[in-house]
């Protein structure tokens, strides 16, 4: 029997409260899967590394990526900018580093 109409398949992506796009009902982010794919991992290898994802979900996400490269790359760039800002704020607001070689009342070890 030939299907006369194709139902659009849902893309298993959701956005968490921090703006990270995650896959299916897992905490695995889109960033991680795209990085693994760009590194040369196959969907089966990605599935071995992230067994909470189904192979079907991985293929669906990669199909979405391949059909929406500009959109996904813009999202990834924005995530990098946000990450850099958070890292920068952490460094600025971090208490002074302490020297592990210094013991209270003992001075600097040589």
C-alpha atoms as a PDB file:
ATOM      1  CA  UNK A   1       0.000   0.000   0.000  1.00  0.00           C
ATOM      2  CA  UNK A   2       1.394   3.415  -0.947  1.00  0.00           C
ATOM      3  CA  UNK A   3       0.842   6.263   1.442  1.00  0.00           C
ATOM      4  CA  UNK A   4      -0.928   9.131  -0.279  1.00  0.00           C
ATOM      5  CA  UNK A   5      -0.200  11.655   2.478  1.00  0.00           C
ATOM      6  CA  UNK A   6       2.792  11.916   4.728  1.00  0.00           C
ATOM      7  CA  UNK A   7       2.445  13.124   8.263  1.00  0.00           C
ATOM      8  CA  UNK A   8       5.123  15.555   9.302  1.00  0.00           C
ATOM      9  CA  UNK A   9       7.279  13.860  11.890  1.00  0.00           C
ATOM     10  CA  UNK A  10       7.862  15.753  15.126  1.00  0.00           C
ATOM     11  CA  UNK A  11      11.382  16.920  15.837  1.00  0.00           C
ATOM     12  CA  UNK A  12      12.369  15.673  19.305  1.00  0.00           C
ATOM     13  CA  UNK A  13      13.753  18.990  20.551  1.00  0.00           C
ATOM     14  CA  UNK A  14      12.725  21.100  23.517  1.00  0.00           C
ATOM     15  CA  UNK A  15      14.056  24.237  25.148  1.00  0.00           C
ATOM     16  CA  UNK A  16      14.779  24.195  28.874  1.00  0.00           C
ATOM     17  CA  UNK A  17      14.344  27.105  31.275  1.00  0.00           C
ATOM     18  CA  UNK A  18      17.907  28.321  30.521  1.00  0.00           C
ATOM     19  CA  UNK A  19      17.453  28.398  26.749  1.00  0.00           C
ATOM     20  CA  UNK A  20      19.393  25.192  26.049  1.00  0.00           C
ATOM     21  CA  UNK A  21      17.875  22.965  23.382  1.00  0.00           C
ATOM     22  CA  UNK A  22      17.661  19.374  24.547  1.00  0.00           C
ATOM     23  CA  UNK A  23      16.754  16.139  22.812  1.00  0.00           C
ATOM     24  CA  UNK A  24      13.663  14.032  23.419  1.00  0.00           C
ATOM     25  CA  UNK A  25      12.883  13.700  27.118  1.00  0.00           C
ATOM     26  CA  UNK A  26      16.557  13.770  28.107  1.00  0.00           C
ATOM     27  CA  UNK A  27      19.070  16.313  29.389  1.00  0.00           C
ATOM     28  CA  UNK A  28      21.324  15.740  26.339  1.00  0.00           C
ATOM     29  CA  UNK A  29      21.806  19.027  24.485  1.00  0.00           C
ATOM     30  CA  UNK A  30      21.704  19.727  20.792  1.00  0.00           C
ATOM     31  CA  UNK A  31      25.232  21.156  21.126  1.00  0.00           C
ATOM     32  CA  UNK A  32      26.612  17.781  22.187  1.00  0.00           C
ATOM     33  CA  UNK A  33      25.012  15.815  19.345  1.00  0.00           C
ATOM     34  CA  UNK A  34      26.038  18.321  16.666  1.00  0.00           C
ATOM     35  CA  UNK A  35      29.615  18.400  18.016  1.00  0.00           C
ATOM     36  CA  UNK A  36      29.788  14.590  17.937  1.00  0.00           C
ATOM     37  CA  UNK A  37      28.428  14.537  14.375  1.00  0.00           C
ATOM     38  CA  UNK A  38      30.882  17.226  13.240  1.00  0.00           C
ATOM     39  CA  UNK A  39      33.670  15.233  14.913  1.00  0.00           C
ATOM     40  CA  UNK A  40      32.778  12.367  12.561  1.00  0.00           C
ATOM     41  CA  UNK A  41      30.710  10.139  14.843  1.00  0.00           C
ATOM     42  CA  UNK A  42      27.980   8.142  13.148  1.00  0.00           C
ATOM     43  CA  UNK A  43      24.449   8.079  14.568  1.00  0.00           C
ATOM     44  CA  UNK A  44      25.194   4.588  15.941  1.00  0.00           C
ATOM     45  CA  UNK A  45      28.362   5.843  17.672  1.00  0.00           C
ATOM     46  CA  UNK A  46      26.444   8.802  19.097  1.00  0.00           C
ATOM     47  CA  UNK A  47      23.814   6.365  20.369  1.00  0.00           C
ATOM     48  CA  UNK A  48      26.506   4.313  22.119  1.00  0.00           C
ATOM     49  CA  UNK A  49      27.755   7.438  23.866  1.00  0.00           C
ATOM     50  CA  UNK A  50      24.260   8.645  24.742  1.00  0.00           C
ATOM     51  CA  UNK A  51      22.103   5.546  25.230  1.00  0.00           C
ATOM     52  CA  UNK A  52      19.249   7.592  26.723  1.00  0.00           C
ATOM     53  CA  UNK A  53      18.582   8.779  23.170  1.00  0.00           C
ATOM     54  CA  UNK A  54      16.912   6.523  20.649  1.00  0.00           C
ATOM     55  CA  UNK A  55      18.544   6.015  17.293  1.00  0.00           C
ATOM     56  CA  UNK A  56      15.387   7.430  15.685  1.00  0.00           C
ATOM     57  CA  UNK A  57      15.712  10.629  17.760  1.00  0.00           C
ATOM     58  CA  UNK A  58      19.361  11.007  16.751  1.00  0.00           C
ATOM     59  CA  UNK A  59      18.523  10.611  13.062  1.00  0.00           C
ATOM     60  CA  UNK A  60      15.626  13.085  13.412  1.00  0.00           C
ATOM     61  CA  UNK A  61      17.873  15.665  15.091  1.00  0.00           C
ATOM     62  CA  UNK A  62      20.600  15.228  12.470  1.00  0.00           C
ATOM     63  CA  UNK A  63      18.012  15.566   9.677  1.00  0.00           C
ATOM     64  CA  UNK A  64      16.780  18.766  11.325  1.00  0.00           C
ATOM     65  CA  UNK A  65      20.377  20.013  11.533  1.00  0.00           C
ATOM     66  CA  UNK A  66      21.119  19.197   7.896  1.00  0.00           C
ATOM     67  CA  UNK A  67      17.960  21.005   6.777  1.00  0.00           C
ATOM     68  CA  UNK A  68      18.533  24.007   9.067  1.00  0.00           C
ATOM     69  CA  UNK A  69      22.297  24.488   9.242  1.00  0.00           C
ATOM     70  CA  UNK A  70      22.217  28.299   9.367  1.00  0.00           C
ATOM     71  CA  UNK A  71      19.604  28.317  12.116  1.00  0.00           C
ATOM     72  CA  UNK A  72      21.457  25.712  14.187  1.00  0.00           C
ATOM     73  CA  UNK A  73      24.824  27.435  13.696  1.00  0.00           C
ATOM     74  CA  UNK A  74      23.279  30.736  14.825  1.00  0.00           C
ATOM     75  CA  UNK A  75      21.962  28.988  17.948  1.00  0.00           C
ATOM     76  CA  UNK A  76      25.381  27.422  18.622  1.00  0.00           C
ATOM     77  CA  UNK A  77      27.132  30.785  18.196  1.00  0.00           C
ATOM     78  CA  UNK A  78      24.686  32.376  20.639  1.00  0.00           C
ATOM     79  CA  UNK A  79      25.333  29.564  23.136  1.00  0.00           C
ATOM     80  CA  UNK A  80      29.084  30.196  22.820  1.00  0.00           C
ATOM     81  CA  UNK A  81      28.572  33.911  23.495  1.00  0.00           C
ATOM     82  CA  UNK A  82      26.409  33.153  26.539  1.00  0.00           C
ATOM     83  CA  UNK A  83      28.965  30.656  27.803  1.00  0.00           C
ATOM     84  CA  UNK A  84      31.779  33.194  27.415  1.00  0.00           C
ATOM     85  CA  UNK A  85      29.749  35.822  29.294  1.00  0.00           C
ATOM     86  CA  UNK A  86      28.999  33.442  32.134  1.00  0.00           C
ATOM     87  CA  UNK A  87      32.646  32.369  32.319  1.00  0.00           C
ATOM     88  CA  UNK A  88      33.765  36.006  32.312  1.00  0.00           C
ATOM     89  CA  UNK A  89      31.362  36.898  35.122  1.00  0.00           C
ATOM     90  CA  UNK A  90      32.555  33.922  37.130  1.00  0.00           C
ATOM     91  CA  UNK A  91      36.185  34.989  36.754  1.00  0.00           C
ATOM     92  CA  UNK A  92      35.450  38.599  37.714  1.00  0.00           C
ATOM     93  CA  UNK A  93      33.357  37.669  40.754  1.00  0.00           C
ATOM     94  CA  UNK A  94      35.610  34.852  41.919  1.00  0.00           C
ATOM     95  CA  UNK A  95      37.353  35.317  45.251  1.00  0.00           C
ATOM     96  CA  UNK A  96      41.099  35.822  44.997  1.00  0.00           C
ATOM     97  CA  UNK A  97      42.967  32.672  44.184  1.00  0.00           C
ATOM     98  CA  UNK A  98      44.871  31.263  47.065  1.00  0.00           C
ATOM     99  CA  UNK A  99      48.346  29.842  46.890  1.00  0.00           C
ATOM    100  CA  UNK A 100      48.406  26.192  47.857  1.00  0.00           C
ATOM    101  CA  UNK A 101      52.046  26.597  48.830  1.00  0.00           C
ATOM    102  CA  UNK A 102      51.148  29.005  51.631  1.00  0.00           C
ATOM    103  CA  UNK A 103      50.234  27.556  54.993  1.00  0.00           C
ATOM    104  CA  UNK A 104      48.715  29.803  57.650  1.00  0.00           C
ATOM    105  CA  UNK A 105      51.543  31.091  59.852  1.00  0.00           C
ATOM    106  CA  UNK A 106      54.211  29.205  57.871  1.00  0.00           C
ATOM    107  CA  UNK A 107      54.937  31.501  54.920  1.00  0.00           C
ATOM    108  CA  UNK A 108      55.699  30.267  51.412  1.00  0.00           C
ATOM    109  CA  UNK A 109      57.065  26.771  51.029  1.00  0.00           C
ATOM    110  CA  UNK A 110      60.179  26.344  48.916  1.00  0.00           C
END
